[in-house]
Amino acid sequence: MYKKYFFLLAVLLFSVLIKTAAAQQAHFISDPTLSPDGQTIAFVYENDLWQVPASGGTAYRLTALEGIVSLPRFSPDGQWLAFTSTRDRNANVYVMPAGGGEIRQITWHQQ
C-alpha cells in the first residue's frame, strides 16, 4: 500500500518539476566580442548589451532599450562600442562609450 502512495507522490512531483522547467525560458548570450586589449567581452543577452571582464566576474548591463540589440563591436582603440538596435522599429547603428554612458544614434533608416 505504501508503494502505491509513494509511486503517486513521485508521479505528482515529477509532473510539477516538468511544468516548472517548461515555464522557464532559456536565455543565451549572442554576438560576443572581445575588446582590442583583450580585457573585456561585450555581448547581447535578453536583447540588451552587456559587458564582463574577460577574466570572468560579474556582467554589467550597458543598455536597456526598447527593441532588439545586436552585433556589438569595439572601436579599434577600445574606447567605443558600436551596435545595431531596432529601438525605433528600424535597424540603426548606435555608439556609446565602452564602459557605458550616453548612447548616440549614427544612422537613421526609414521603413
PDB file of N, CA and C in Angstrom:
ATOM      1  N   MET A   1       0.818  -1.192   0.000  1.00  0.00           N
ATOM      2  CA  MET A   1       0.000   0.000   0.000  1.00  0.00           C
ATOM      3  C   MET A   1       0.868   1.266   0.000  1.00  0.00           C
ATOM      4  N   TYR A   2       1.951   1.247   0.800  1.00  0.00           N
ATOM      5  CA  TYR A   2       2.850   2.406   0.812  1.00  0.00           C
ATOM      6  C   TYR A   2       3.519   2.608  -0.538  1.00  0.00           C
ATOM      7  N   LYS A   3       3.774   1.510  -1.236  1.00  0.00           N
ATOM      8  CA  LYS A   3       4.402   1.618  -2.548  1.00  0.00           C
ATOM      9  C   LYS A   3       3.491   2.374  -3.510  1.00  0.00           C
ATOM     10  N   LYS A   4       2.197   2.145  -3.401  1.00  0.00           N
ATOM     11  CA  LYS A   4       1.235   2.824  -4.275  1.00  0.00           C
ATOM     12  C   LYS A   4       1.244   4.335  -4.003  1.00  0.00           C
ATOM     13  N   TYR A   5       1.227   4.734  -2.725  1.00  0.00           N
ATOM     14  CA  TYR A   5       1.263   6.163  -2.377  1.00  0.00           C
ATOM     15  C   TYR A   5       2.600   6.802  -2.772  1.00  0.00           C
ATOM     16  N   PHE A   6       3.664   6.061  -2.549  1.00  0.00           N
ATOM     17  CA  PHE A   6       4.975   6.565  -2.934  1.00  0.00           C
ATOM     18  C   PHE A   6       5.038   6.785  -4.446  1.00  0.00           C
ATOM     19  N   PHE A   7       4.513   5.832  -5.211  1.00  0.00           N
ATOM     20  CA  PHE A   7       4.501   5.964  -6.665  1.00  0.00           C
ATOM     21  C   PHE A   7       3.671   7.175  -7.093  1.00  0.00           C
ATOM     22  N   LEU A   8       2.494   7.360  -6.518  1.00  0.00           N
ATOM     23  CA  LEU A   8       1.640   8.504  -6.859  1.00  0.00           C
ATOM     24  C   LEU A   8       2.323   9.823  -6.492  1.00  0.00           C
ATOM     25  N   LEU A   9       2.971   9.876  -5.346  1.00  0.00           N
ATOM     26  CA  LEU A   9       3.697  11.073  -4.931  1.00  0.00           C
ATOM     27  C   LEU A   9       4.846  11.368  -5.889  1.00  0.00           C
ATOM     28  N   ALA A  10       5.569  10.337  -6.305  1.00  0.00           N
ATOM     29  CA  ALA A  10       6.673  10.514  -7.242  1.00  0.00           C
ATOM     30  C   ALA A  10       6.168  11.026  -8.590  1.00  0.00           C
ATOM     31  N   VAL A  11       5.059  10.489  -9.074  1.00  0.00           N
ATOM     32  CA  VAL A  11       4.485  10.945 -10.347  1.00  0.00           C
ATOM     33  C   VAL A  11       4.043  12.399 -10.236  1.00  0.00           C
ATOM     34  N   LEU A  12       3.410  12.758  -9.131  1.00  0.00           N
ATOM     35  CA  LEU A  12       2.961  14.131  -8.915  1.00  0.00           C
ATOM     36  C   LEU A  12       4.166  15.088  -8.869  1.00  0.00           C
ATOM     37  N   LEU A  13       5.180  14.726  -8.130  1.00  0.00           N
ATOM     38  CA  LEU A  13       6.385  15.552  -8.032  1.00  0.00           C
ATOM     39  C   LEU A  13       7.051  15.701  -9.397  1.00  0.00           C
ATOM     40  N   PHE A  14       7.145  14.626 -10.140  1.00  0.00           N
ATOM     41  CA  PHE A  14       7.745  14.670 -11.468  1.00  0.00           C
ATOM     42  C   PHE A  14       6.961  15.595 -12.396  1.00  0.00           C
ATOM     43  N   SER A  15       5.636  15.534 -12.362  1.00  0.00           N
ATOM     44  CA  SER A  15       4.832  16.392 -13.233  1.00  0.00           C
ATOM     45  C   SER A  15       4.985  17.871 -12.860  1.00  0.00           C
ATOM     46  N   VAL A  16       5.101  18.171 -11.565  1.00  0.00           N
ATOM     47  CA  VAL A  16       5.321  19.549 -11.135  1.00  0.00           C
ATOM     48  C   VAL A  16       6.679  20.042 -11.619  1.00  0.00           C
ATOM     49  N   LEU A  17       7.702  19.220 -11.519  1.00  0.00           N
ATOM     50  CA  LEU A  17       9.037  19.595 -11.984  1.00  0.00           C
ATOM     51  C   LEU A  17       9.061  19.827 -13.491  1.00  0.00           C
ATOM     52  N   ILE A  18       8.378  19.004 -14.250  1.00  0.00           N
ATOM     53  CA  ILE A  18       8.325  19.166 -15.706  1.00  0.00           C
ATOM     54  C   ILE A  18       7.625  20.470 -16.068  1.00  0.00           C
ATOM     55  N   LYS A  19       6.504  20.779 -15.411  1.00  0.00           N
ATOM     56  CA  LYS A  19       5.783  22.019 -15.693  1.00  0.00           C
ATOM     57  C   LYS A  19       6.618  23.240 -15.329  1.00  0.00           C
ATOM     58  N   THR A  20       7.335  23.176 -14.217  1.00  0.00           N
ATOM     59  CA  THR A  20       8.187  24.290 -13.801  1.00  0.00           C
ATOM     60  C   THR A  20       9.316  24.502 -14.795  1.00  0.00           C
ATOM     61  N   ALA A  21       9.947  23.433 -15.226  1.00  0.00           N
ATOM     62  CA  ALA A  21      11.037  23.548 -16.195  1.00  0.00           C
ATOM     63  C   ALA A  21      10.531  24.081 -17.530  1.00  0.00           C
ATOM     64  N   ALA A  22       9.359  23.680 -17.945  1.00  0.00           N
ATOM     65  CA  ALA A  22       8.810  24.153 -19.213  1.00  0.00           C
ATOM     66  C   ALA A  22       8.440  25.629 -19.146  1.00  0.00           C
ATOM     67  N   ALA A  23       8.061  26.113 -17.966  1.00  0.00           N
ATOM     68  CA  ALA A  23       7.655  27.509 -17.812  1.00  0.00           C
ATOM     69  C   ALA A  23       8.849  28.458 -17.850  1.00  0.00           C
ATOM     70  N   GLN A  24      10.025  27.971 -17.509  1.00  0.00           N
ATOM     71  CA  GLN A  24      11.211  28.817 -17.515  1.00  0.00           C
ATOM     72  C   GLN A  24      11.743  28.926 -18.938  1.00  0.00           C
ATOM     73  N   GLN A  25      12.034  30.151 -19.366  1.00  0.00           N
ATOM     74  CA  GLN A  25      12.576  30.358 -20.694  1.00  0.00           C
ATOM     75  C   GLN A  25      14.093  30.260 -20.648  1.00  0.00           C
ATOM     76  N   ALA A  26      14.633  29.655 -21.667  1.00  0.00           N
ATOM     77  CA  ALA A  26      16.087  29.592 -21.779  1.00  0.00           C
ATOM     78  C   ALA A  26      16.590  30.878 -22.426  1.00  0.00           C
ATOM     79  N   HIS A  27      17.634  31.440 -21.877  1.00  0.00           N
ATOM     80  CA  HIS A  27      18.245  32.645 -22.432  1.00  0.00           C
ATOM     81  C   HIS A  27      19.708  32.345 -22.715  1.00  0.00           C
ATOM     82  N   PHE A  28      20.147  32.817 -23.855  1.00  0.00           N
ATOM     83  CA  PHE A  28      21.512  32.573 -24.264  1.00  0.00           C
ATOM     84  C   PHE A  28      22.170  33.900 -24.635  1.00  0.00           C
ATOM     85  N   ILE A  29      23.477  33.949 -24.445  1.00  0.00           N
ATOM     86  CA  ILE A  29      24.195  35.132 -24.904  1.00  0.00           C
ATOM     87  C   ILE A  29      24.456  34.970 -26.392  1.00  0.00           C
ATOM     88  N   SER A  30      24.594  36.091 -27.077  1.00  0.00           N
ATOM     89  CA  SER A  30      24.920  36.044 -28.503  1.00  0.00           C
ATOM     90  C   SER A  30      25.861  37.190 -28.842  1.00  0.00           C
ATOM     91  N   ASP A  31      26.460  37.099 -29.979  1.00  0.00           N
ATOM     92  CA  ASP A  31      27.325  38.133 -30.533  1.00  0.00           C
ATOM     93  C   ASP A  31      28.449  38.576 -29.599  1.00  0.00           C
ATOM     94  N   PRO A  32      29.164  37.650 -28.936  1.00  0.00           N
ATOM     95  CA  PRO A  32      30.257  38.114 -28.070  1.00  0.00           C
ATOM     96  C   PRO A  32      31.382  38.729 -28.886  1.00  0.00           C
ATOM     97  N   THR A  33      31.979  39.778 -28.341  1.00  0.00           N
ATOM     98  CA  THR A  33      33.109  40.430 -28.995  1.00  0.00           C
ATOM     99  C   THR A  33      34.135  40.822 -27.936  1.00  0.00           C
ATOM    100  N   LEU A  34      35.390  40.656 -28.252  1.00  0.00           N
ATOM    101  CA  LEU A  34      36.483  40.930 -27.329  1.00  0.00           C
ATOM    102  C   LEU A  34      37.074  42.303 -27.617  1.00  0.00           C
ATOM    103  N   SER A  35      37.340  43.063 -26.569  1.00  0.00           N
ATOM    104  CA  SER A  35      37.951  44.385 -26.734  1.00  0.00           C
ATOM    105  C   SER A  35      39.360  44.228 -27.319  1.00  0.00           C
ATOM    106  N   PRO A  36      39.868  45.273 -27.989  1.00  0.00           N
ATOM    107  CA  PRO A  36      41.203  45.176 -28.604  1.00  0.00           C
ATOM    108  C   PRO A  36      42.313  44.820 -27.617  1.00  0.00           C
ATOM    109  N   ASP A  37      42.185  45.239 -26.358  1.00  0.00           N
ATOM    110  CA  ASP A  37      43.219  44.906 -25.373  1.00  0.00           C
ATOM    111  C   ASP A  37      43.008  43.531 -24.738  1.00  0.00           C
ATOM    112  N   GLY A  38      41.918  42.854 -25.109  1.00  0.00           N
ATOM    113  CA  GLY A  38      41.643  41.512 -24.609  1.00  0.00           C
ATOM    114  C   GLY A  38      41.136  41.463 -23.175  1.00  0.00           C
ATOM    115  N   GLN A  39      40.784  42.603 -22.604  1.00  0.00           N
ATOM    116  CA  GLN A  39      40.375  42.663 -21.206  1.00  0.00           C
ATOM    117  C   GLN A  39      38.869  42.558 -20.974  1.00  0.00           C
ATOM    118  N   THR A  40      38.062  42.858 -21.994  1.00  0.00           N
ATOM    119  CA  THR A  40      36.615  42.965 -21.807  1.00  0.00           C
ATOM    120  C   THR A  40      35.871  42.249 -22.928  1.00  0.00           C
ATOM    121  N   ILE A  41      34.765  41.607 -22.560  1.00  0.00           N
ATOM    122  CA  ILE A  41      33.877  40.981 -23.537  1.00  0.00           C
ATOM    123  C   ILE A  41      32.539  41.710 -23.489  1.00  0.00           C
ATOM    124  N   ALA A  42      32.057  42.125 -24.642  1.00  0.00           N
ATOM    125  CA  ALA A  42      30.710  42.681 -24.763  1.00  0.00           C
ATOM    126  C   ALA A  42      29.856  41.627 -25.456  1.00  0.00           C
ATOM    127  N   PHE A  43      28.603  41.514 -25.040  1.00  0.00           N
ATOM    128  CA  PHE A  43      27.721  40.504 -25.616  1.00  0.00           C
ATOM    129  C   PHE A  43      26.275  40.948 -25.480  1.00  0.00           C
ATOM    130  N   VAL A  44      25.391  40.255 -26.178  1.00  0.00           N
ATOM    131  CA  VAL A  44      23.960  40.527 -26.105  1.00  0.00           C
ATOM    132  C   VAL A  44      23.306  39.429 -25.280  1.00  0.00           C
ATOM    133  N   TYR A  45      22.461  39.848 -24.348  1.00  0.00           N
ATOM    134  CA  TYR A  45      21.679  38.923 -23.519  1.00  0.00           C
ATOM    135  C   TYR A  45      20.328  39.574 -23.279  1.00  0.00           C
ATOM    136  N   GLU A  46      19.261  38.824 -23.522  1.00  0.00           N
ATOM    137  CA  GLU A  46      17.895  39.326 -23.353  1.00  0.00           C
ATOM    138  C   GLU A  46      17.682  40.662 -24.078  1.00  0.00           C
ATOM    139  N   ASN A  47      18.216  40.756 -25.290  1.00  0.00           N
ATOM    140  CA  ASN A  47      18.046  41.930 -26.162  1.00  0.00           C
ATOM    141  C   ASN A  47      18.663  43.212 -25.620  1.00  0.00           C
ATOM    142  N   ASP A  48      19.634  43.113 -24.750  1.00  0.00           N
ATOM    143  CA  ASP A  48      20.390  44.263 -24.277  1.00  0.00           C
ATOM    144  C   ASP A  48      21.878  43.964 -24.364  1.00  0.00           C
ATOM    145  N   LEU A  49      22.665  45.016 -24.316  1.00  0.00           N
ATOM    146  CA  LEU A  49      24.121  44.913 -24.397  1.00  0.00           C
ATOM    147  C   LEU A  49      24.692  44.800 -22.987  1.00  0.00           C
ATOM    148  N   TRP A  50      25.580  43.845 -22.798  1.00  0.00           N
ATOM    149  CA  TRP A  50      26.220  43.583 -21.512  1.00  0.00           C
ATOM    150  C   TRP A  50      27.729  43.566 -21.695  1.00  0.00           C
ATOM    151  N   GLN A  51      28.442  43.678 -20.558  1.00  0.00           N
ATOM    152  CA  GLN A  51      29.898  43.671 -20.570  1.00  0.00           C
ATOM    153  C   GLN A  51      30.398  42.896 -19.355  1.00  0.00           C
ATOM    154  N   VAL A  52      31.480  42.147 -19.550  1.00  0.00           N
ATOM    155  CA  VAL A  52      32.072  41.362 -18.462  1.00  0.00           C
ATOM    156  C   VAL A  52      33.591  41.333 -18.666  1.00  0.00           C
ATOM    157  N   PRO A  53      34.364  41.334 -17.578  1.00  0.00           N
ATOM    158  CA  PRO A  53      35.815  41.182 -17.748  1.00  0.00           C
ATOM    159  C   PRO A  53      36.130  39.835 -18.412  1.00  0.00           C
ATOM    160  N   ALA A  54      37.108  39.806 -19.297  1.00  0.00           N
ATOM    161  CA  ALA A  54      37.474  38.570 -19.987  1.00  0.00           C
ATOM    162  C   ALA A  54      37.989  37.517 -19.012  1.00  0.00           C
ATOM    163  N   SER A  55      38.489  37.947 -17.867  1.00  0.00           N
ATOM    164  CA  SER A  55      38.986  37.012 -16.860  1.00  0.00           C
ATOM    165  C   SER A  55      37.863  36.388 -16.034  1.00  0.00           C
ATOM    166  N   GLY A  56      36.632  36.870 -16.249  1.00  0.00           N
ATOM    167  CA  GLY A  56      35.484  36.357 -15.501  1.00  0.00           C
ATOM    168  C   GLY A  56      35.015  37.381 -14.484  1.00  0.00           C
ATOM    169  N   GLY A  57      33.889  37.139 -13.904  1.00  0.00           N
ATOM    170  CA  GLY A  57      33.344  38.053 -12.909  1.00  0.00           C
ATOM    171  C   GLY A  57      31.910  38.420 -13.211  1.00  0.00           C
ATOM    172  N   THR A  58      31.485  39.538 -12.680  1.00  0.00           N
ATOM    173  CA  THR A  58      30.115  39.995 -12.812  1.00  0.00           C
ATOM    174  C   THR A  58      29.909  40.721 -14.130  1.00  0.00           C
ATOM    175  N   ALA A  59      28.835  40.376 -14.833  1.00  0.00           N
ATOM    176  CA  ALA A  59      28.475  41.073 -16.071  1.00  0.00           C
ATOM    177  C   ALA A  59      27.593  42.270 -15.724  1.00  0.00           C
ATOM    178  N   TYR A  60      27.781  43.360 -16.444  1.00  0.00           N
ATOM    179  CA  TYR A  60      27.012  44.580 -16.228  1.00  0.00           C
ATOM    180  C   TYR A  60      26.242  44.941 -17.488  1.00  0.00           C
ATOM    181  N   ARG A  61      24.966  45.257 -17.306  1.00  0.00           N
ATOM    182  CA  ARG A  61      24.147  45.657 -18.442  1.00  0.00           C
ATOM    183  C   ARG A  61      24.474  47.091 -18.823  1.00  0.00           C
ATOM    184  N   LEU A  62      24.696  47.310 -20.112  1.00  0.00           N
ATOM    185  CA  LEU A  62      25.034  48.635 -20.617  1.00  0.00           C
ATOM    186  C   LEU A  62      23.832  49.348 -21.236  1.00  0.00           C
ATOM    187  N   THR A  63      22.871  48.587 -21.748  1.00  0.00           N
ATOM    188  CA  THR A  63      21.699  49.196 -22.380  1.00  0.00           C
ATOM    189  C   THR A  63      20.425  48.622 -21.780  1.00  0.00           C
ATOM    190  N   ALA A  64      19.370  49.397 -21.880  1.00  0.00           N
ATOM    191  CA  ALA A  64      18.019  48.954 -21.515  1.00  0.00           C
ATOM    192  C   ALA A  64      17.078  49.626 -22.506  1.00  0.00           C
ATOM    193  N   LEU A  65      17.177  49.196 -23.745  1.00  0.00           N
ATOM    194  CA  LEU A  65      16.461  49.839 -24.837  1.00  0.00           C
ATOM    195  C   LEU A  65      15.237  49.033 -25.246  1.00  0.00           C
ATOM    196  N   GLU A  66      14.259  49.718 -25.814  1.00  0.00           N
ATOM    197  CA  GLU A  66      13.161  49.032 -26.484  1.00  0.00           C
ATOM    198  C   GLU A  66      13.747  48.413 -27.747  1.00  0.00           C
ATOM    199  N   GLY A  67      13.211  47.319 -28.188  1.00  0.00           N
ATOM    200  CA  GLY A  67      13.695  46.686 -29.406  1.00  0.00           C
ATOM    201  C   GLY A  67      14.824  45.714 -29.144  1.00  0.00           C
ATOM    202  N   ILE A  68      15.443  45.302 -30.210  1.00  0.00           N
ATOM    203  CA  ILE A  68      16.478  44.267 -30.159  1.00  0.00           C
ATOM    204  C   ILE A  68      17.846  44.892 -30.409  1.00  0.00           C
ATOM    205  N   VAL A  69      18.801  44.554 -29.568  1.00  0.00           N
ATOM    206  CA  VAL A  69      20.189  44.989 -29.727  1.00  0.00           C
ATOM    207  C   VAL A  69      20.978  43.808 -30.290  1.00  0.00           C
ATOM    208  N   SER A  70      21.884  44.098 -31.230  1.00  0.00           N
ATOM    209  CA  SER A  70      22.696  43.023 -31.810  1.00  0.00           C
ATOM    210  C   SER A  70      24.033  43.567 -32.295  1.00  0.00           C
ATOM    211  N   LEU A  71      24.919  42.645 -32.587  1.00  0.00           N
ATOM    212  CA  LEU A  71      26.213  42.895 -33.228  1.00  0.00           C
ATOM    213  C   LEU A  71      27.084  43.969 -32.589  1.00  0.00           C
ATOM    214  N   PRO A  72      27.381  43.870 -31.292  1.00  0.00           N
ATOM    215  CA  PRO A  72      28.289  44.853 -30.696  1.00  0.00           C
ATOM    216  C   PRO A  72      29.707  44.684 -31.240  1.00  0.00           C
ATOM    217  N   ARG A  73      30.393  45.816 -31.406  1.00  0.00           N
ATOM    218  CA  ARG A  73      31.786  45.796 -31.845  1.00  0.00           C
ATOM    219  C   ARG A  73      32.528  46.941 -31.174  1.00  0.00           C
ATOM    220  N   PHE A  74      33.734  46.656 -30.695  1.00  0.00           N
ATOM    221  CA  PHE A  74      34.588  47.689 -30.111  1.00  0.00           C
ATOM    222  C   PHE A  74      35.265  48.475 -31.219  1.00  0.00           C
ATOM    223  N   SER A  75      35.486  49.759 -30.965  1.00  0.00           N
ATOM    224  CA  SER A  75      36.290  50.559 -31.884  1.00  0.00           C
ATOM    225  C   SER A  75      37.733  50.064 -31.785  1.00  0.00           C
ATOM    226  N   PRO A  76      38.565  50.343 -32.790  1.00  0.00           N
ATOM    227  CA  PRO A  76      39.959  49.880 -32.756  1.00  0.00           C
ATOM    228  C   PRO A  76      40.740  50.337 -31.524  1.00  0.00           C
ATOM    229  N   ASP A  77      40.402  51.519 -30.977  1.00  0.00           N
ATOM    230  CA  ASP A  77      41.105  51.982 -29.780  1.00  0.00           C
ATOM    231  C   ASP A  77      40.458  51.480 -28.487  1.00  0.00           C
ATOM    232  N   GLY A  78      39.334  50.744 -28.600  1.00  0.00           N
ATOM    233  CA  GLY A  78      38.668  50.176 -27.435  1.00  0.00           C
ATOM    234  C   GLY A  78      37.860  51.154 -26.614  1.00  0.00           C
ATOM    235  N   GLN A  79      37.736  52.398 -27.070  1.00  0.00           N
ATOM    236  CA  GLN A  79      37.027  53.427 -26.299  1.00  0.00           C
ATOM    237  C   GLN A  79      35.519  53.432 -26.540  1.00  0.00           C
ATOM    238  N   TRP A  80      35.061  52.871 -27.652  1.00  0.00           N
ATOM    239  CA  TRP A  80      33.655  52.936 -28.039  1.00  0.00           C
ATOM    240  C   TRP A  80      33.109  51.554 -28.358  1.00  0.00           C
ATOM    241  N   LEU A  81      31.803  51.410 -28.182  1.00  0.00           N
ATOM    242  CA  LEU A  81      31.082  50.225 -28.624  1.00  0.00           C
ATOM    243  C   LEU A  81      30.054  50.669 -29.654  1.00  0.00           C
ATOM    244  N   ALA A  82      30.064  50.030 -30.797  1.00  0.00           N
ATOM    245  CA  ALA A  82      29.033  50.251 -31.803  1.00  0.00           C
ATOM    246  C   ALA A  82      28.120  49.031 -31.783  1.00  0.00           C
ATOM    247  N   PHE A  83      26.848  49.227 -32.053  1.00  0.00           N
ATOM    248  CA  PHE A  83      25.901  48.115 -32.082  1.00  0.00           C
ATOM    249  C   PHE A  83      24.701  48.500 -32.924  1.00  0.00           C
ATOM    250  N   THR A  84      23.928  47.508 -33.291  1.00  0.00           N
ATOM    251  CA  THR A  84      22.691  47.716 -34.026  1.00  0.00           C
ATOM    252  C   THR A  84      21.532  47.567 -33.058  1.00  0.00           C
ATOM    253  N   SER A  85      20.516  48.399 -33.229  1.00  0.00           N
ATOM    254  CA  SER A  85      19.321  48.304 -32.400  1.00  0.00           C
ATOM    255  C   SER A  85      18.090  48.627 -33.236  1.00  0.00           C
ATOM    256  N   THR A  86      16.991  48.005 -32.876  1.00  0.00           N
ATOM    257  CA  THR A  86      15.705  48.283 -33.521  1.00  0.00           C
ATOM    258  C   THR A  86      14.819  49.093 -32.582  1.00  0.00           C
ATOM    259  N   ARG A  87      15.401  49.959 -31.788  1.00  0.00           N
ATOM    260  CA  ARG A  87      14.644  50.712 -30.788  1.00  0.00           C
ATOM    261  C   ARG A  87      13.570  51.589 -31.400  1.00  0.00           C
ATOM    262  N   ASP A  88      13.740  52.022 -32.654  1.00  0.00           N
ATOM    263  CA  ASP A  88      12.721  52.808 -33.351  1.00  0.00           C
ATOM    264  C   ASP A  88      12.061  51.986 -34.453  1.00  0.00           C
ATOM    265  N   ARG A  89      12.053  50.684 -34.300  1.00  0.00           N
ATOM    266  CA  ARG A  89      11.477  49.719 -35.232  1.00  0.00           C
ATOM    267  C   ARG A  89      12.287  49.541 -36.510  1.00  0.00           C
ATOM    268  N   ASN A  90      13.323  50.303 -36.688  1.00  0.00           N
ATOM    269  CA  ASN A  90      14.229  50.156 -37.827  1.00  0.00           C
ATOM    270  C   ASN A  90      15.608  49.830 -37.294  1.00  0.00           C
ATOM    271  N   ALA A  91      16.335  48.984 -37.997  1.00  0.00           N
ATOM    272  CA  ALA A  91      17.691  48.641 -37.568  1.00  0.00           C
ATOM    273  C   ALA A  91      18.620  49.809 -37.878  1.00  0.00           C
ATOM    274  N   ASN A  92      19.177  50.403 -36.830  1.00  0.00           N
ATOM    275  CA  ASN A  92      20.107  51.511 -36.961  1.00  0.00           C
ATOM    276  C   ASN A  92      21.358  51.237 -36.143  1.00  0.00           C
ATOM    277  N   VAL A  93      22.409  51.975 -36.444  1.00  0.00           N
ATOM    278  CA  VAL A  93      23.683  51.828 -35.748  1.00  0.00           C
ATOM    279  C   VAL A  93      23.773  52.897 -34.659  1.00  0.00           C
ATOM    280  N   TYR A  94      24.239  52.483 -33.494  1.00  0.00           N
ATOM    281  CA  TYR A  94      24.417  53.359 -32.342  1.00  0.00           C
ATOM    282  C   TYR A  94      25.824  53.175 -31.817  1.00  0.00           C
ATOM    283  N   VAL A  95      26.343  54.186 -31.124  1.00  0.00           N
ATOM    284  CA  VAL A  95      27.626  54.076 -30.438  1.00  0.00           C
ATOM    285  C   VAL A  95      27.475  54.588 -29.016  1.00  0.00           C
ATOM    286  N   MET A  96      28.349  54.085 -28.158  1.00  0.00           N
ATOM    287  CA  MET A  96      28.384  54.520 -26.766  1.00  0.00           C
ATOM    288  C   MET A  96      29.784  54.294 -26.225  1.00  0.00           C
ATOM    289  N   PRO A  97      30.165  55.000 -25.159  1.00  0.00           N
ATOM    290  CA  PRO A  97      31.467  54.713 -24.542  1.00  0.00           C
ATOM    291  C   PRO A  97      31.536  53.242 -24.123  1.00  0.00           C
ATOM    292  N   ALA A  98      32.692  52.639 -24.245  1.00  0.00           N
ATOM    293  CA  ALA A  98      32.838  51.209 -23.966  1.00  0.00           C
ATOM    294  C   ALA A  98      32.450  50.836 -22.537  1.00  0.00           C
ATOM    295  N   GLY A  99      32.624  51.731 -21.588  1.00  0.00           N
ATOM    296  CA  GLY A  99      32.265  51.432 -20.205  1.00  0.00           C
ATOM    297  C   GLY A  99      30.835  51.788 -19.848  1.00  0.00           C
ATOM    298  N   GLY A 100      30.063  52.227 -20.837  1.00  0.00           N
ATOM    299  CA  GLY A 100      28.690  52.653 -20.582  1.00  0.00           C
ATOM    300  C   GLY A 100      28.589  54.162 -20.640  1.00  0.00           C
ATOM    301  N   GLY A 101      27.412  54.653 -20.863  1.00  0.00           N
ATOM    302  CA  GLY A 101      27.209  56.099 -20.941  1.00  0.00           C
ATOM    303  C   GLY A 101      26.179  56.455 -21.986  1.00  0.00           C
ATOM    304  N   GLU A 102      26.274  57.684 -22.468  1.00  0.00           N
ATOM    305  CA  GLU A 102      25.284  58.191 -23.414  1.00  0.00           C
ATOM    306  C   GLU A 102      25.360  57.444 -24.742  1.00  0.00           C
ATOM    307  N   ILE A 103      24.188  57.044 -25.220  1.00  0.00           N
ATOM    308  CA  ILE A 103      24.081  56.337 -26.493  1.00  0.00           C
ATOM    309  C   ILE A 103      23.759  57.352 -27.579  1.00  0.00           C
ATOM    310  N   ARG A 104      24.509  57.291 -28.685  1.00  0.00           N
ATOM    311  CA  ARG A 104      24.264  58.199 -29.818  1.00  0.00           C
ATOM    312  C   ARG A 104      23.884  57.391 -31.051  1.00  0.00           C
ATOM    313  N   GLN A 105      22.831  57.817 -31.723  1.00  0.00           N
ATOM    314  CA  GLN A 105      22.403  57.194 -32.952  1.00  0.00           C
ATOM    315  C   GLN A 105      23.264  57.704 -34.102  1.00  0.00           C
ATOM    316  N   ILE A 106      23.749  56.780 -34.962  1.00  0.00           N
ATOM    317  CA  ILE A 106      24.630  57.143 -36.061  1.00  0.00           C
ATOM    318  C   ILE A 106      23.895  57.101 -37.418  1.00  0.00           C
ATOM    319  N   THR A 107      22.979  56.150 -37.580  1.00  0.00           N
ATOM    320  CA  THR A 107      22.226  56.044 -38.838  1.00  0.00           C
ATOM    321  C   THR A 107      20.735  56.212 -38.569  1.00  0.00           C
ATOM    322  N   TRP A 108      20.005  56.613 -39.593  1.00  0.00           N
ATOM    323  CA  TRP A 108      18.551  56.818 -39.497  1.00  0.00           C
ATOM    324  C   TRP A 108      17.880  56.169 -40.695  1.00  0.00           C
ATOM    325  N   HIS A 109      17.601  54.874 -40.604  1.00  0.00           N
ATOM    326  CA  HIS A 109      16.937  54.164 -41.694  1.00  0.00           C
ATOM    327  C   HIS A 109      15.430  54.311 -41.580  1.00  0.00           C
ATOM    328  N   GLN A 110      14.765  54.472 -42.701  1.00  0.00           N
ATOM    329  CA  GLN A 110      13.308  54.559 -42.755  1.00  0.00           C
ATOM    330  C   GLN A 110      12.754  53.216 -43.181  1.00  0.00           C
ATOM    331  N   GLN A 111      11.507  52.952 -42.832  1.00  0.00           N
ATOM    332  CA  GLN A 111      10.863  51.700 -43.245  1.00  0.00           C
ATOM    333  C   GLN A 111      10.547  51.721 -44.703  1.00  0.00           C
TER     334      GLN A 111
END
